[in-house]
């Protein structure tokens, strides 16, 4: 079974505001509301939590708000390595290498491209709404926490399932436009 740090769950609840009962959502995910944010939870519990939030509020910009709430210091040693990177490519390269400290559900690939590089998120599993929200949040975190203003574009790799690709990629493109505007002041 794959796991995610409960810090991510707590950040998404905080980004949801007062419209959700954060303590109840944490308890439903098997977490102590006052507990250690470094505790890991099953990925399915995290996706369930995101879907519960989506039942209560409009989550159109939740991935960007949740991603924007993360700070390098929230990631401990990985955050320090990320922050110390000389440029965005170095930052993404460190994420690609050390992300397993925080989750076992995704991997990253930094692939050369004629226009620079592609930072690609790989996540397996059945496509469900909570997973899609998590994908968008993950990409937003990586863009918004990294060195400011050092990227022009981002490619989000969609589902392997062609039937869900169009909607997932539309959502990802929308998220990327918003995150670029937030981070780069566009």
C-alpha atoms as a PDB file:
ATOM      1  CA  UNK A   1       0.000   0.000   0.000  1.00  0.00           C
ATOM      2  CA  UNK A   2       1.196   3.511  -0.821  1.00  0.00           C
ATOM      3  CA  UNK A   3       1.325   6.315   1.759  1.00  0.00           C
ATOM      4  CA  UNK A   4       1.261  10.117   1.913  1.00  0.00           C
ATOM      5  CA  UNK A   5       2.415  12.371   4.738  1.00  0.00           C
ATOM      6  CA  UNK A   6      -0.517  13.677   6.754  1.00  0.00           C
ATOM      7  CA  UNK A   7       1.020  17.146   6.461  1.00  0.00           C
ATOM      8  CA  UNK A   8      -0.511  17.286   2.983  1.00  0.00           C
ATOM      9  CA  UNK A   9      -3.959  16.411   4.364  1.00  0.00           C
ATOM     10  CA  UNK A  10      -3.642  19.098   7.026  1.00  0.00           C
ATOM     11  CA  UNK A  11      -2.548  21.715   4.461  1.00  0.00           C
ATOM     12  CA  UNK A  12      -5.480  20.906   2.176  1.00  0.00           C
ATOM     13  CA  UNK A  13      -7.938  21.166   5.070  1.00  0.00           C
ATOM     14  CA  UNK A  14      -6.439  24.509   6.096  1.00  0.00           C
ATOM     15  CA  UNK A  15      -6.658  25.745   2.487  1.00  0.00           C
ATOM     16  CA  UNK A  16     -10.365  24.785   2.493  1.00  0.00           C
ATOM     17  CA  UNK A  17     -11.124  27.348   5.173  1.00  0.00           C
ATOM     18  CA  UNK A  18     -13.979  27.356   7.644  1.00  0.00           C
ATOM     19  CA  UNK A  19     -16.416  25.677   5.256  1.00  0.00           C
ATOM     20  CA  UNK A  20     -15.152  22.263   6.367  1.00  0.00           C
ATOM     21  CA  UNK A  21     -14.837  20.662   9.780  1.00  0.00           C
ATOM     22  CA  UNK A  22     -11.114  19.986   9.715  1.00  0.00           C
ATOM     23  CA  UNK A  23     -11.005  17.938  12.911  1.00  0.00           C
ATOM     24  CA  UNK A  24     -13.810  15.661  11.688  1.00  0.00           C
ATOM     25  CA  UNK A  25     -12.102  15.186   8.312  1.00  0.00           C
ATOM     26  CA  UNK A  26      -8.819  14.289   9.997  1.00  0.00           C
ATOM     27  CA  UNK A  27     -10.538  11.799  12.297  1.00  0.00           C
ATOM     28  CA  UNK A  28     -12.310  10.240   9.288  1.00  0.00           C
ATOM     29  CA  UNK A  29      -8.865   9.782   7.701  1.00  0.00           C
ATOM     30  CA  UNK A  30      -7.670   8.024  10.865  1.00  0.00           C
ATOM     31  CA  UNK A  31      -5.663  10.969  12.168  1.00  0.00           C
ATOM     32  CA  UNK A  32      -5.559  12.733  15.506  1.00  0.00           C
ATOM     33  CA  UNK A  33      -6.369  16.414  14.841  1.00  0.00           C
ATOM     34  CA  UNK A  34      -3.656  17.390  17.344  1.00  0.00           C
ATOM     35  CA  UNK A  35      -1.224  14.700  16.173  1.00  0.00           C
ATOM     36  CA  UNK A  36       2.120  14.728  14.418  1.00  0.00           C
ATOM     37  CA  UNK A  37       1.835  16.056  10.833  1.00  0.00           C
ATOM     38  CA  UNK A  38       4.641  13.716   9.744  1.00  0.00           C
ATOM     39  CA  UNK A  39       2.472  10.629  10.304  1.00  0.00           C
ATOM     40  CA  UNK A  40       1.862   8.779   7.043  1.00  0.00           C
ATOM     41  CA  UNK A  41      -1.636   7.815   5.892  1.00  0.00           C
ATOM     42  CA  UNK A  42      -2.758   5.438   3.135  1.00  0.00           C
ATOM     43  CA  UNK A  43      -3.175   7.143  -0.222  1.00  0.00           C
ATOM     44  CA  UNK A  44      -6.813   6.039  -0.372  1.00  0.00           C
ATOM     45  CA  UNK A  45      -7.526   7.848   2.912  1.00  0.00           C
ATOM     46  CA  UNK A  46      -5.968  11.002   1.476  1.00  0.00           C
ATOM     47  CA  UNK A  47      -8.023  10.751  -1.725  1.00  0.00           C
ATOM     48  CA  UNK A  48     -11.169  10.113   0.341  1.00  0.00           C
ATOM     49  CA  UNK A  49     -10.398  13.248   2.362  1.00  0.00           C
ATOM     50  CA  UNK A  50      -9.992  15.352  -0.790  1.00  0.00           C
ATOM     51  CA  UNK A  51     -13.260  13.985  -2.183  1.00  0.00           C
ATOM     52  CA  UNK A  52     -15.010  14.794   1.118  1.00  0.00           C
ATOM     53  CA  UNK A  53     -13.759  18.369   0.864  1.00  0.00           C
ATOM     54  CA  UNK A  54     -15.037  18.513  -2.731  1.00  0.00           C
ATOM     55  CA  UNK A  55     -18.514  17.498  -1.527  1.00  0.00           C
ATOM     56  CA  UNK A  56     -18.576  20.543   0.758  1.00  0.00           C
ATOM     57  CA  UNK A  57     -16.881  23.331  -1.198  1.00  0.00           C
ATOM     58  CA  UNK A  58     -15.983  24.383  -4.724  1.00  0.00           C
ATOM     59  CA  UNK A  59     -12.491  22.943  -5.184  1.00  0.00           C
ATOM     60  CA  UNK A  60     -11.691  24.656  -8.483  1.00  0.00           C
ATOM     61  CA  UNK A  61      -8.700  26.504  -7.024  1.00  0.00           C
ATOM     62  CA  UNK A  62      -8.078  24.287  -3.972  1.00  0.00           C
ATOM     63  CA  UNK A  63      -4.999  22.606  -5.500  1.00  0.00           C
ATOM     64  CA  UNK A  64      -3.379  25.988  -6.074  1.00  0.00           C
ATOM     65  CA  UNK A  65      -4.315  27.280  -2.611  1.00  0.00           C
ATOM     66  CA  UNK A  66      -3.119  24.047  -0.993  1.00  0.00           C
ATOM     67  CA  UNK A  67       0.061  24.030  -3.038  1.00  0.00           C
ATOM     68  CA  UNK A  68       0.727  27.685  -2.267  1.00  0.00           C
ATOM     69  CA  UNK A  69       0.481  26.993   1.460  1.00  0.00           C
ATOM     70  CA  UNK A  70       3.526  24.716   1.391  1.00  0.00           C
ATOM     71  CA  UNK A  71       6.916  26.176   2.249  1.00  0.00           C
ATOM     72  CA  UNK A  72      10.379  24.735   1.727  1.00  0.00           C
ATOM     73  CA  UNK A  73      10.782  24.471   5.493  1.00  0.00           C
ATOM     74  CA  UNK A  74       7.747  22.150   5.640  1.00  0.00           C
ATOM     75  CA  UNK A  75       9.827  19.536   3.784  1.00  0.00           C
ATOM     76  CA  UNK A  76      12.745  19.359   6.228  1.00  0.00           C
ATOM     77  CA  UNK A  77      16.008  18.220   4.605  1.00  0.00           C
ATOM     78  CA  UNK A  78      14.365  17.961   1.184  1.00  0.00           C
ATOM     79  CA  UNK A  79      13.135  21.537   1.511  1.00  0.00           C
ATOM     80  CA  UNK A  80      16.600  22.753   2.405  1.00  0.00           C
ATOM     81  CA  UNK A  81      18.101  20.953  -0.593  1.00  0.00           C
ATOM     82  CA  UNK A  82      15.330  22.340  -2.768  1.00  0.00           C
ATOM     83  CA  UNK A  83      15.832  25.877  -1.493  1.00  0.00           C
ATOM     84  CA  UNK A  84      19.608  25.675  -1.956  1.00  0.00           C
ATOM     85  CA  UNK A  85      19.349  24.614  -5.587  1.00  0.00           C
ATOM     86  CA  UNK A  86      21.019  27.123  -7.917  1.00  0.00           C
ATOM     87  CA  UNK A  87      18.080  27.149 -10.357  1.00  0.00           C
ATOM     88  CA  UNK A  88      14.721  25.591 -11.104  1.00  0.00           C
ATOM     89  CA  UNK A  89      16.244  22.624 -12.944  1.00  0.00           C
ATOM     90  CA  UNK A  90      18.378  21.889  -9.882  1.00  0.00           C
ATOM     91  CA  UNK A  91      15.332  22.210  -7.636  1.00  0.00           C
ATOM     92  CA  UNK A  92      13.241  19.822  -9.741  1.00  0.00           C
ATOM     93  CA  UNK A  93      16.188  17.434 -10.011  1.00  0.00           C
ATOM     94  CA  UNK A  94      16.332  17.225  -6.222  1.00  0.00           C
ATOM     95  CA  UNK A  95      12.583  16.607  -6.023  1.00  0.00           C
ATOM     96  CA  UNK A  96      12.946  13.847  -8.606  1.00  0.00           C
ATOM     97  CA  UNK A  97      15.624  12.203  -6.475  1.00  0.00           C
ATOM     98  CA  UNK A  98      14.304  12.662  -2.908  1.00  0.00           C
ATOM     99  CA  UNK A  99      10.494  12.829  -3.116  1.00  0.00           C
ATOM    100  CA  UNK A 100      10.195   9.356  -1.572  1.00  0.00           C
ATOM    101  CA  UNK A 101      10.888  10.972   1.802  1.00  0.00           C
ATOM    102  CA  UNK A 102       7.337  12.368   1.715  1.00  0.00           C
ATOM    103  CA  UNK A 103       5.272   9.948  -0.313  1.00  0.00           C
ATOM    104  CA  UNK A 104       5.365   6.568  -1.949  1.00  0.00           C
ATOM    105  CA  UNK A 105       2.529   7.304  -4.397  1.00  0.00           C
ATOM    106  CA  UNK A 106       4.345   9.398  -7.007  1.00  0.00           C
ATOM    107  CA  UNK A 107       7.617   9.590  -8.805  1.00  0.00           C
ATOM    108  CA  UNK A 108       8.987  12.429 -10.865  1.00  0.00           C
ATOM    109  CA  UNK A 109      10.959  12.636 -14.035  1.00  0.00           C
ATOM    110  CA  UNK A 110      12.975  15.568 -15.288  1.00  0.00           C
ATOM    111  CA  UNK A 111      13.191  15.020 -19.035  1.00  0.00           C
ATOM    112  CA  UNK A 112      15.251  17.124 -21.453  1.00  0.00           C
ATOM    113  CA  UNK A 113      13.191  19.036 -24.006  1.00  0.00           C
ATOM    114  CA  UNK A 114      14.119  21.352 -26.886  1.00  0.00           C
ATOM    115  CA  UNK A 115      12.571  24.217 -24.876  1.00  0.00           C
ATOM    116  CA  UNK A 116      14.348  23.353 -21.613  1.00  0.00           C
ATOM    117  CA  UNK A 117      12.986  20.466 -19.579  1.00  0.00           C
ATOM    118  CA  UNK A 118       9.766  18.700 -18.744  1.00  0.00           C
ATOM    119  CA  UNK A 119       8.996  18.015 -15.080  1.00  0.00           C
ATOM    120  CA  UNK A 120       6.690  15.005 -15.185  1.00  0.00           C
ATOM    121  CA  UNK A 121       4.583  13.522 -12.413  1.00  0.00           C
ATOM    122  CA  UNK A 122       3.970   9.759 -12.539  1.00  0.00           C
ATOM    123  CA  UNK A 123       1.204   8.305 -10.390  1.00  0.00           C
ATOM    124  CA  UNK A 124      -0.404   4.919 -10.890  1.00  0.00           C
ATOM    125  CA  UNK A 125      -3.757   3.738  -9.678  1.00  0.00           C
ATOM    126  CA  UNK A 126      -7.390   4.000 -10.621  1.00  0.00           C
ATOM    127  CA  UNK A 127      -8.353   7.473 -11.771  1.00  0.00           C
ATOM    128  CA  UNK A 128     -10.672   9.047  -9.243  1.00  0.00           C
ATOM    129  CA  UNK A 129     -11.414  12.645  -8.334  1.00  0.00           C
ATOM    130  CA  UNK A 130      -9.291  12.652  -5.160  1.00  0.00           C
ATOM    131  CA  UNK A 131      -6.288  11.403  -7.118  1.00  0.00           C
ATOM    132  CA  UNK A 132      -6.775  14.103  -9.742  1.00  0.00           C
ATOM    133  CA  UNK A 133      -6.961  16.802  -7.077  1.00  0.00           C
ATOM    134  CA  UNK A 134      -3.820  15.347  -5.538  1.00  0.00           C
ATOM    135  CA  UNK A 135      -2.030  15.441  -8.914  1.00  0.00           C
ATOM    136  CA  UNK A 136      -2.939  19.096  -9.412  1.00  0.00           C
ATOM    137  CA  UNK A 137      -1.876  19.976  -5.879  1.00  0.00           C
ATOM    138  CA  UNK A 138       1.402  18.100  -6.278  1.00  0.00           C
ATOM    139  CA  UNK A 139       2.291  20.014  -9.429  1.00  0.00           C
ATOM    140  CA  UNK A 140       1.245  23.306  -7.850  1.00  0.00           C
ATOM    141  CA  UNK A 141       3.435  22.596  -4.812  1.00  0.00           C
ATOM    142  CA  UNK A 142       6.445  21.862  -6.967  1.00  0.00           C
ATOM    143  CA  UNK A 143       5.963  25.072  -8.983  1.00  0.00           C
ATOM    144  CA  UNK A 144       5.008  27.374  -6.156  1.00  0.00           C
ATOM    145  CA  UNK A 145       7.628  26.259  -3.660  1.00  0.00           C
ATOM    146  CA  UNK A 146      10.529  26.235  -6.128  1.00  0.00           C
ATOM    147  CA  UNK A 147      12.665  29.254  -7.004  1.00  0.00           C
ATOM    148  CA  UNK A 148      10.412  32.138  -8.093  1.00  0.00           C
ATOM    149  CA  UNK A 149       9.960  33.128 -11.689  1.00  0.00           C
ATOM    150  CA  UNK A 150      12.365  30.615 -13.218  1.00  0.00           C
ATOM    151  CA  UNK A 151       9.966  28.679 -15.408  1.00  0.00           C
ATOM    152  CA  UNK A 152       7.907  29.450 -18.475  1.00  0.00           C
ATOM    153  CA  UNK A 153       5.667  26.424 -18.728  1.00  0.00           C
ATOM    154  CA  UNK A 154       4.890  23.042 -17.263  1.00  0.00           C
ATOM    155  CA  UNK A 155       3.619  19.877 -18.876  1.00  0.00           C
ATOM    156  CA  UNK A 156       1.192  17.806 -16.849  1.00  0.00           C
ATOM    157  CA  UNK A 157       1.134  14.183 -17.929  1.00  0.00           C
ATOM    158  CA  UNK A 158      -2.428  12.937 -17.784  1.00  0.00           C
ATOM    159  CA  UNK A 159      -4.045   9.621 -17.171  1.00  0.00           C
ATOM    160  CA  UNK A 160      -3.080   6.481 -19.033  1.00  0.00           C
ATOM    161  CA  UNK A 161      -6.828   6.004 -19.505  1.00  0.00           C
ATOM    162  CA  UNK A 162      -7.777   7.825 -22.748  1.00  0.00           C
ATOM    163  CA  UNK A 163     -11.373   8.290 -21.588  1.00  0.00           C
ATOM    164  CA  UNK A 164     -10.302  10.470 -18.649  1.00  0.00           C
ATOM    165  CA  UNK A 165      -7.404  12.263 -20.337  1.00  0.00           C
ATOM    166  CA  UNK A 166      -9.330  15.210 -21.766  1.00  0.00           C
ATOM    167  CA  UNK A 167     -10.923  16.343 -18.485  1.00  0.00           C
ATOM    168  CA  UNK A 168      -7.794  15.662 -16.438  1.00  0.00           C
ATOM    169  CA  UNK A 169      -5.537  17.568 -18.816  1.00  0.00           C
ATOM    170  CA  UNK A 170      -8.024  20.463 -19.045  1.00  0.00           C
ATOM    171  CA  UNK A 171      -7.965  20.736 -15.260  1.00  0.00           C
ATOM    172  CA  UNK A 172      -4.178  20.503 -15.164  1.00  0.00           C
ATOM    173  CA  UNK A 173      -3.744  23.193 -17.839  1.00  0.00           C
ATOM    174  CA  UNK A 174      -6.078  25.462 -15.895  1.00  0.00           C
ATOM    175  CA  UNK A 175      -4.143  24.841 -12.681  1.00  0.00           C
ATOM    176  CA  UNK A 176      -0.823  25.539 -14.395  1.00  0.00           C
ATOM    177  CA  UNK A 177      -2.064  28.881 -15.748  1.00  0.00           C
ATOM    178  CA  UNK A 178      -3.263  29.902 -12.289  1.00  0.00           C
ATOM    179  CA  UNK A 179      -0.115  28.698 -10.530  1.00  0.00           C
ATOM    180  CA  UNK A 180       2.136  30.497 -13.010  1.00  0.00           C
ATOM    181  CA  UNK A 181       0.148  33.669 -12.466  1.00  0.00           C
ATOM    182  CA  UNK A 182       0.454  33.350  -8.698  1.00  0.00           C
ATOM    183  CA  UNK A 183       4.155  32.522  -8.662  1.00  0.00           C
ATOM    184  CA  UNK A 184       5.468  34.656 -11.467  1.00  0.00           C
ATOM    185  CA  UNK A 185       3.185  37.632 -11.043  1.00  0.00           C
ATOM    186  CA  UNK A 186       1.806  37.201 -14.590  1.00  0.00           C
END
